[in-house]
Protein backbone atom coordinates (compact mmCIF):
# COMPACT_ATOMS: atom_id res chain seq x y z
CA UNK A 1 5.36 107.62 125.51
CA UNK A 2 4.46 105.08 128.48
CA UNK A 3 7.17 105.02 130.85
CA UNK A 4 8.18 101.59 129.74
CA UNK A 5 8.68 102.40 126.23
CA UNK A 6 10.95 105.54 127.41
CA UNK A 7 13.13 103.31 129.88
CA UNK A 8 13.71 101.26 126.65
CA UNK A 9 14.90 103.91 124.38
CA UNK A 10 17.18 105.15 126.73
CA UNK A 11 19.22 101.98 127.60
CA UNK A 12 19.46 101.64 123.99
CA UNK A 13 21.27 105.10 123.69
CA UNK A 14 23.14 104.61 126.47
CA UNK A 15 24.36 100.66 124.24
CA UNK A 16 24.78 103.16 120.79
CA UNK A 17 27.35 105.42 123.30
CA UNK A 18 29.07 102.73 124.78
CA UNK A 19 29.36 101.03 121.41
CA UNK A 20 30.96 104.04 119.79
CA UNK A 21 33.73 104.56 122.49
CA UNK A 22 37.14 102.54 122.03
CA UNK A 23 38.25 100.09 124.51
CA UNK A 24 39.77 101.09 127.35
CA UNK A 25 43.76 100.45 127.74
CA UNK A 26 44.43 98.11 130.66
CA UNK A 27 47.14 99.55 132.72
CA UNK A 28 47.42 96.75 135.05
CA UNK A 29 46.99 92.94 135.12
CA UNK A 30 47.19 91.45 138.42
CA UNK A 31 50.17 93.11 140.44
CA UNK A 32 51.95 94.15 137.35
CA UNK A 33 51.31 97.28 135.72
CA UNK A 34 52.19 98.96 132.10
CA UNK A 35 55.18 101.14 132.49
CA UNK A 36 56.62 101.30 129.48
CA UNK A 37 56.39 103.48 126.46
CA UNK A 38 56.17 102.11 123.07
CA UNK A 39 53.40 104.78 121.31
CA UNK A 40 50.42 102.65 121.95
CA UNK A 41 48.43 100.87 124.58
CA UNK A 42 48.11 97.26 125.39
CA UNK A 43 45.18 96.27 123.63
CA UNK A 44 44.49 92.92 125.61
CA UNK A 45 42.44 92.62 128.34
CA UNK A 46 43.01 90.94 131.76
CA UNK A 47 41.14 87.77 132.85
CA UNK A 48 39.31 87.70 136.60
CA UNK A 49 42.28 85.78 137.82
CA UNK A 50 44.60 88.69 137.58
CA UNK A 51 46.88 86.99 134.38
CA UNK A 52 46.57 87.32 130.62
CA UNK A 53 49.29 85.48 128.66
CA UNK A 54 48.81 87.76 125.62
CA UNK A 55 48.69 90.90 127.78
CA UNK A 56 52.09 89.78 129.12
CA UNK A 57 53.64 88.99 126.07
CA UNK A 58 52.52 92.13 124.88
CA UNK A 59 54.12 94.10 127.95
CA UNK A 60 57.29 92.51 127.00
CA UNK A 61 57.62 93.23 123.81
CA UNK A 62 56.06 96.99 124.88
CA UNK A 63 59.46 96.82 127.32
CA UNK A 64 62.31 94.86 125.50
CA UNK A 65 62.00 96.21 121.75
CA UNK A 66 59.85 99.46 122.36
CA UNK A 67 57.51 98.42 119.88
CA UNK A 68 53.79 97.95 120.29
CA UNK A 69 52.45 94.93 118.81
CA UNK A 70 49.52 94.79 116.98
CA UNK A 71 46.56 93.17 117.92
CA UNK A 72 47.05 89.39 116.88
CA UNK A 73 44.46 87.57 118.58
CA UNK A 74 44.33 84.54 120.79
CA UNK A 75 47.93 83.13 121.33
CA UNK A 76 47.96 80.44 118.91
CA UNK A 77 47.31 83.02 115.94
CA UNK A 78 50.27 85.22 116.98
CA UNK A 79 52.79 83.27 115.04
CA UNK A 80 50.79 83.39 111.82
CA UNK A 81 49.93 86.95 111.73
CA UNK A 82 53.68 87.65 112.45
CA UNK A 83 54.74 85.82 109.46
CA UNK A 84 53.04 87.96 107.45
CA UNK A 85 53.81 91.59 109.13
CA UNK A 86 57.15 92.80 107.15
CA UNK A 87 57.99 94.03 110.55
CA UNK A 88 58.14 90.42 112.10
CA UNK A 89 59.99 87.36 111.44
CA UNK A 90 59.41 83.91 113.06
CA UNK A 91 62.31 81.97 114.04
CA UNK A 92 63.04 78.18 114.35
CA UNK A 93 65.40 78.46 117.45
CA UNK A 94 64.80 80.43 120.44
CA UNK A 95 66.48 83.58 121.57
CA UNK A 96 66.79 85.93 124.18
CA UNK A 97 64.01 89.28 124.14
CA UNK A 98 62.02 87.19 121.69
CA UNK A 99 57.94 86.07 121.77
CA UNK A 100 58.14 82.05 122.42
CA UNK A 101 54.62 80.67 120.71
CA UNK A 102 52.78 77.61 121.59
CA UNK A 103 50.21 76.97 118.65
CA UNK A 104 49.02 73.58 120.15
CA UNK A 105 45.53 73.42 122.49
CA UNK A 106 42.34 75.70 121.95
CA UNK A 107 44.30 78.90 122.75
CA UNK A 108 48.13 78.50 122.26
CA UNK A 109 50.39 80.09 124.88
CA UNK A 110 52.80 83.46 124.50
CA UNK A 111 55.48 84.00 126.79
CA UNK A 112 58.50 86.23 127.10
CA UNK A 113 62.23 84.73 126.42
CA UNK A 114 64.53 85.99 129.08
CA UNK A 115 67.61 83.54 128.20
CA UNK A 116 68.32 80.22 126.28
CA UNK A 117 70.54 77.78 128.08
CA UNK A 118 70.87 74.87 124.75
CA UNK A 119 67.60 73.34 124.70
CA UNK A 120 66.18 74.82 127.88
CA UNK A 121 64.52 78.48 127.80
CA UNK A 122 63.64 81.10 130.85
CA UNK A 123 60.67 82.73 130.16
CA UNK A 124 58.29 85.39 132.34
CA UNK A 125 54.75 84.87 131.58
CA UNK A 126 51.06 85.09 132.70
CA UNK A 127 48.37 82.78 132.58
CA UNK A 128 44.16 83.03 132.52
CA UNK A 129 44.08 79.89 134.84
CA UNK A 130 47.17 80.37 136.67
CA UNK A 131 47.94 82.65 139.73
CA UNK A 132 47.38 85.61 140.62
CA UNK A 133 50.32 87.79 138.36
CA UNK A 134 53.08 86.80 136.28
CA UNK A 135 56.06 84.04 137.29
CA UNK A 136 59.37 83.34 136.35
CA UNK A 137 59.82 79.71 134.51
CA UNK A 138 61.50 77.13 132.86
CA UNK A 139 60.74 75.03 129.41
CA UNK A 140 62.11 72.70 127.35
CA UNK A 141 61.84 75.19 123.72
CA UNK A 142 60.18 72.43 122.22
CA UNK A 143 57.22 73.30 124.12
CA UNK A 144 57.04 76.27 122.11
CA UNK A 145 55.94 74.64 118.61
CA UNK A 146 54.90 78.01 116.83
CA UNK A 147 58.49 79.45 116.80
CA UNK A 148 59.81 82.94 118.18
CA UNK A 149 59.07 85.97 117.09
CA UNK A 150 61.66 88.80 116.95
CA UNK A 151 60.96 92.42 115.31
CA UNK A 152 63.13 92.21 112.16
CA UNK A 153 64.82 95.62 113.11
CA UNK A 154 66.26 93.51 115.83
CA UNK A 155 68.28 90.91 114.02
CA UNK A 156 71.92 91.23 113.04
CA UNK A 157 71.35 88.65 110.45
CA UNK A 158 68.63 86.53 108.30
CA UNK A 159 68.51 82.72 108.68
CA UNK A 160 70.83 80.74 106.39
CA UNK A 161 72.81 83.89 106.24
CA UNK A 162 76.66 83.66 106.93
CA UNK A 163 79.65 85.69 107.37
CA UNK A 164 83.93 84.96 106.82
CA UNK A 165 86.53 86.68 107.83
CA UNK A 166 90.46 85.84 107.49
CA UNK A 167 92.39 84.37 110.29
CA UNK A 168 95.60 82.91 111.05
CA UNK A 169 98.23 82.82 108.11
CA UNK A 170 95.96 84.03 105.21
CA UNK A 171 92.98 81.60 106.48
CA UNK A 172 89.31 81.84 106.54
CA UNK A 173 86.89 81.18 109.35
CA UNK A 174 82.96 81.60 108.92
CA UNK A 175 79.98 81.90 111.18
CA UNK A 176 76.76 81.48 110.24
CA UNK A 177 73.13 83.19 111.33
CA UNK A 178 71.38 81.46 114.15
CA UNK A 179 67.60 82.60 113.71
CA UNK A 180 68.42 86.63 113.81
CA UNK A 181 72.05 86.48 116.01
CA UNK A 182 75.37 85.35 114.76
CA UNK A 183 76.79 82.29 116.02
CA UNK A 184 80.19 81.85 117.08
CA UNK A 185 82.86 81.63 114.24
CA UNK A 186 84.27 78.38 113.27
CA UNK A 187 87.87 77.05 112.72
CA UNK A 188 90.33 79.00 110.82
CA UNK A 189 90.47 77.14 107.56
CA UNK A 190 93.21 77.11 104.44
CA UNK A 191 96.04 78.99 106.27
CA UNK A 192 99.50 79.45 104.66
CA UNK A 193 102.83 77.65 105.53
CA UNK A 194 104.53 80.93 106.82
CA UNK A 195 104.07 84.82 107.78
CA UNK A 196 103.82 87.12 105.13
CA UNK A 197 107.91 88.44 104.94
CA UNK A 198 109.24 85.47 106.74
CA UNK A 199 112.27 84.06 105.33
CA UNK A 200 113.96 80.34 105.07
CA UNK A 201 117.70 79.40 104.39
CA UNK A 202 118.61 75.73 103.88
CA UNK A 203 121.97 74.18 102.68
CA UNK A 204 122.22 72.91 99.08
CA UNK A 205 124.52 70.92 96.97
CA UNK A 206 127.99 70.10 99.09
CA UNK A 207 129.34 73.66 99.40
CA UNK A 208 126.14 76.16 99.13
CA UNK A 209 122.68 77.35 100.30
CA UNK A 210 119.92 78.85 98.97
CA UNK A 211 116.84 81.12 100.32
CA UNK A 212 113.31 81.86 100.13
CA UNK A 213 110.57 84.53 101.47
CA UNK A 214 106.98 84.16 102.37
CA UNK A 215 104.63 85.59 99.96
CA UNK A 216 102.04 88.35 101.05
CA UNK A 217 99.49 85.38 100.53
CA UNK A 218 101.22 83.22 102.99
CA UNK A 219 102.61 81.24 100.91
CA UNK A 220 106.73 80.25 99.67
CA UNK A 221 108.25 81.83 97.06
CA UNK A 222 110.61 79.28 94.92
CA UNK A 223 114.28 78.98 96.73
CA UNK A 224 116.68 81.09 94.59
CA UNK A 225 119.94 79.79 93.00
CA UNK A 226 122.30 77.58 94.99
CA UNK A 227 125.54 79.63 95.89
CA UNK A 228 128.36 79.41 98.36
CA UNK A 229 131.85 80.40 99.30
CA UNK A 230 134.71 78.60 97.75
CA UNK A 231 136.55 75.86 99.19
CA UNK A 232 139.90 77.25 101.16
CA UNK A 233 138.61 80.69 100.12
CA UNK A 234 139.78 79.65 96.65
CA UNK A 235 143.00 78.43 96.83
CA UNK A 236 142.60 74.82 96.82
CA UNK A 237 144.54 74.08 93.78
CA UNK A 238 143.84 71.09 91.22
CA UNK A 239 143.54 69.57 88.21
CA UNK A 240 141.31 69.88 84.99
CA UNK A 241 140.36 67.69 82.39
CA UNK A 242 142.14 70.02 80.15
CA UNK A 243 145.17 70.46 78.37
CA UNK A 244 148.27 73.21 78.36
CA UNK A 245 147.97 75.57 80.15
CA UNK A 246 144.27 74.84 80.97
CA UNK A 247 145.34 71.93 82.74
CA UNK A 248 146.02 73.81 86.35
CA UNK A 249 142.85 74.88 88.36
CA UNK A 250 141.40 75.52 91.72
CA UNK A 251 138.36 74.75 93.53
CA UNK A 252 135.24 76.63 92.89
CA UNK A 253 131.76 76.03 94.46
CA UNK A 254 129.74 76.33 91.45
CA UNK A 255 125.58 75.95 91.99
CA UNK A 256 126.40 74.35 95.26
CA UNK A 257 128.79 71.64 93.35
CA UNK A 258 132.35 71.99 94.51
CA UNK A 259 134.19 71.92 90.17
CA UNK A 260 137.75 72.36 89.59
CA UNK A 261 138.02 75.48 87.39
CA UNK A 262 141.10 76.30 84.96
CA UNK A 263 143.17 79.19 86.44
CA UNK A 264 143.59 80.23 83.04
CA UNK A 265 141.80 80.26 79.62
CA UNK A 266 142.81 79.44 76.31
CA UNK A 267 144.39 82.16 74.12
CA UNK A 268 145.87 82.02 71.05
CA UNK A 269 149.05 80.25 70.46
CA UNK A 270 152.46 81.43 69.99
CA UNK A 271 155.85 80.31 69.36
CA UNK A 272 156.93 80.00 73.06
CA UNK A 273 156.95 76.06 73.56
CA UNK A 274 153.56 76.07 75.55
CA UNK A 275 149.99 74.75 74.57
CA UNK A 276 148.40 78.21 74.85
CA UNK A 277 145.00 77.46 73.14
CA UNK A 278 144.53 74.00 75.40
CA UNK A 279 144.47 72.18 72.02
CA UNK A 280 147.08 69.53 73.28
CA UNK A 281 149.60 70.51 70.93
CA UNK A 282 152.64 72.48 71.23
CA UNK A 283 153.67 75.58 69.49
CA UNK A 284 150.60 74.07 66.70
CA UNK A 285 151.21 76.26 63.44
CA UNK A 286 152.88 79.00 64.50
CA UNK A 287 156.71 78.10 64.41
CA UNK A 288 159.13 76.69 61.71
CA UNK A 289 159.55 73.52 63.44
CA UNK A 290 156.55 70.93 63.65
CA UNK A 291 154.10 70.65 66.43
CA UNK A 292 154.37 68.01 69.32
CA UNK A 293 151.87 66.41 71.64
CA UNK A 294 151.89 67.94 74.91
CA UNK A 295 150.85 64.97 76.44
CA UNK A 296 154.36 63.19 75.28
CA UNK A 297 156.47 65.95 76.90
CA UNK A 298 159.08 64.01 78.96
CA UNK A 299 159.18 64.43 82.83
CA UNK A 300 160.57 67.81 84.08
CA UNK A 301 163.88 67.96 84.10
CA UNK A 302 164.58 65.20 81.78
CA UNK A 303 166.74 65.55 78.54
CA UNK A 304 165.52 65.53 75.01
CA UNK A 305 167.55 62.78 72.87
CA UNK A 306 167.58 63.16 69.50
CA UNK A 307 167.62 59.24 68.94
CA UNK A 308 164.53 58.73 70.53
CA UNK A 309 161.93 59.66 67.84
CA UNK A 310 160.89 63.14 66.64
CA UNK A 311 163.00 65.83 67.14
CA UNK A 312 162.24 68.13 70.61
CA UNK A 313 161.87 71.95 69.98
CA UNK A 314 164.72 73.77 68.84
CA UNK A 315 165.60 71.11 66.72
CA UNK A 316 166.46 71.50 62.84
CA UNK A 317 166.96 69.32 60.28
CA UNK A 318 170.25 66.99 61.53
CA UNK A 319 170.86 69.81 64.48
CA UNK A 320 171.56 68.67 67.68
CA UNK A 321 169.87 69.91 71.15
CA UNK A 322 170.26 68.96 74.73
CA UNK A 323 167.64 71.10 77.07
CA UNK A 324 165.87 70.52 80.28
CA UNK A 325 162.18 70.27 80.42
CA UNK A 326 159.69 71.77 83.07
CA UNK A 327 156.41 70.46 84.01
CA UNK A 328 154.65 72.20 81.54
CA UNK A 329 156.67 70.91 79.16
CA UNK A 330 158.54 74.20 78.23
CA UNK A 331 162.33 74.30 77.55
CA UNK A 332 164.12 75.90 80.08
CA UNK A 333 167.80 74.92 79.40
CA UNK A 334 169.96 76.19 76.70
CA UNK A 335 170.90 74.68 73.83
CA UNK A 336 173.82 73.90 71.63
CA UNK A 337 173.58 73.12 67.69
CA UNK A 338 175.82 72.43 65.07
CA UNK A 339 175.98 72.83 61.30
CA UNK A 340 174.24 69.93 59.52
CA UNK A 341 177.33 68.97 57.69
CA UNK A 342 179.53 69.33 60.48
CA UNK A 343 177.38 66.86 62.61
CA UNK A 344 176.67 64.11 59.73
CA UNK A 345 180.05 62.24 60.30
CA UNK A 346 181.40 63.65 63.55
CA UNK A 347 178.94 62.92 66.27
CA UNK A 348 180.55 59.35 67.32
CA UNK A 349 184.07 60.02 66.10
CA UNK A 350 184.21 63.62 67.89
CA UNK A 351 183.62 61.62 70.81
CA UNK A 352 186.01 58.72 70.34
CA UNK A 353 189.01 61.13 69.66
CA UNK A 354 188.51 63.08 72.55
CA UNK A 355 188.38 59.71 74.56
CA UNK A 356 191.61 58.79 73.26
CA UNK A 357 193.09 62.09 74.01
CA UNK A 358 192.32 61.93 77.47
CA UNK A 359 193.77 58.42 77.62
CA UNK A 360 196.98 59.58 75.85
CA UNK A 361 197.73 62.41 78.19
CA UNK A 362 196.69 60.34 81.44
CA UNK A 363 199.16 57.61 80.60
CA UNK A 364 202.12 60.07 79.58
CA UNK A 365 202.28 61.68 83.25
CA UNK A 366 202.55 58.32 84.56
CA UNK A 367 205.52 57.33 82.51
CA UNK A 368 207.21 60.59 83.38
CA UNK A 369 209.60 60.08 86.18
CA UNK A 370 209.56 61.90 89.48
CA UNK A 371 211.42 64.83 90.47
CA UNK A 372 213.79 64.68 93.04
CA UNK A 373 213.95 67.29 95.84
CA UNK A 374 217.17 68.50 96.98
């Protein structure tokens, strides 16, 4: 074998050996070192100028997530590869500790997000075309048009998910998932008018009050019955619209309204010259004498006259009676009754005879001479 052929063969052998060796891990790019441990080595190279966005974004994920991101190619290919990887998700809105991806351009760009402030984000990044090492920089979030990569295990929630909780007086407030983190809760809605166990007392009618309590669902129960104390502690007298013993009453508070209630209730009629059953008739069907209308009674203290109409109680056929009557129409005086035969023609005659005798005696005394005194 010629010397030239031997050199060619040795060179080919060296190339085969080098091709079989895995790529060496890049532990430093510019002044930045790969000091974090995530179970694997950074597969991305460092550009000649001492910077590479993919090397630095991978390093950010290794340090921030403790996850070694697979080799996803150029920066503008990261979103597509992450979206089909079950361990990662791509968000439409930025969150801190995510990989920001720009899909536009020949190679795109990736950076590690450190903070989000509205529509602006802060990142750390490297560039093959930039200066030496990493830098901190601010962008409008819209610059990263590919989205923001996060590991699913690091997410609190999934996009579109909502969460609700109780608030206030049995109300509810809700929050939504902002990318993979919960947003803030909204206002408390659907609150009730009261706190469970709360009580309420209100006046009702013209003498009463009623109460209600708040149910566990923060809604009021219906008011209870209206009731209250009787006027004057139940000692205010009044007249009912009833008759007989039921005509006298006292003022009571009934369902919040002042009413005159009878102090006595109807009882079976008795022969006592009182309207016991409150039907307007005295001694109705319980005495030998006929019943009479309690409403036609004379005033208290008056005297019954047998010639004024129907005979009053205690007077039989042809009898005579003179009785005082109280406010209830009950006879309270005595009576003098004569036999029917004796009264028939003697009423006026007896009266005139008595008067004549009285006048005669008076005249006789006037004619008697006066005695002289010694």
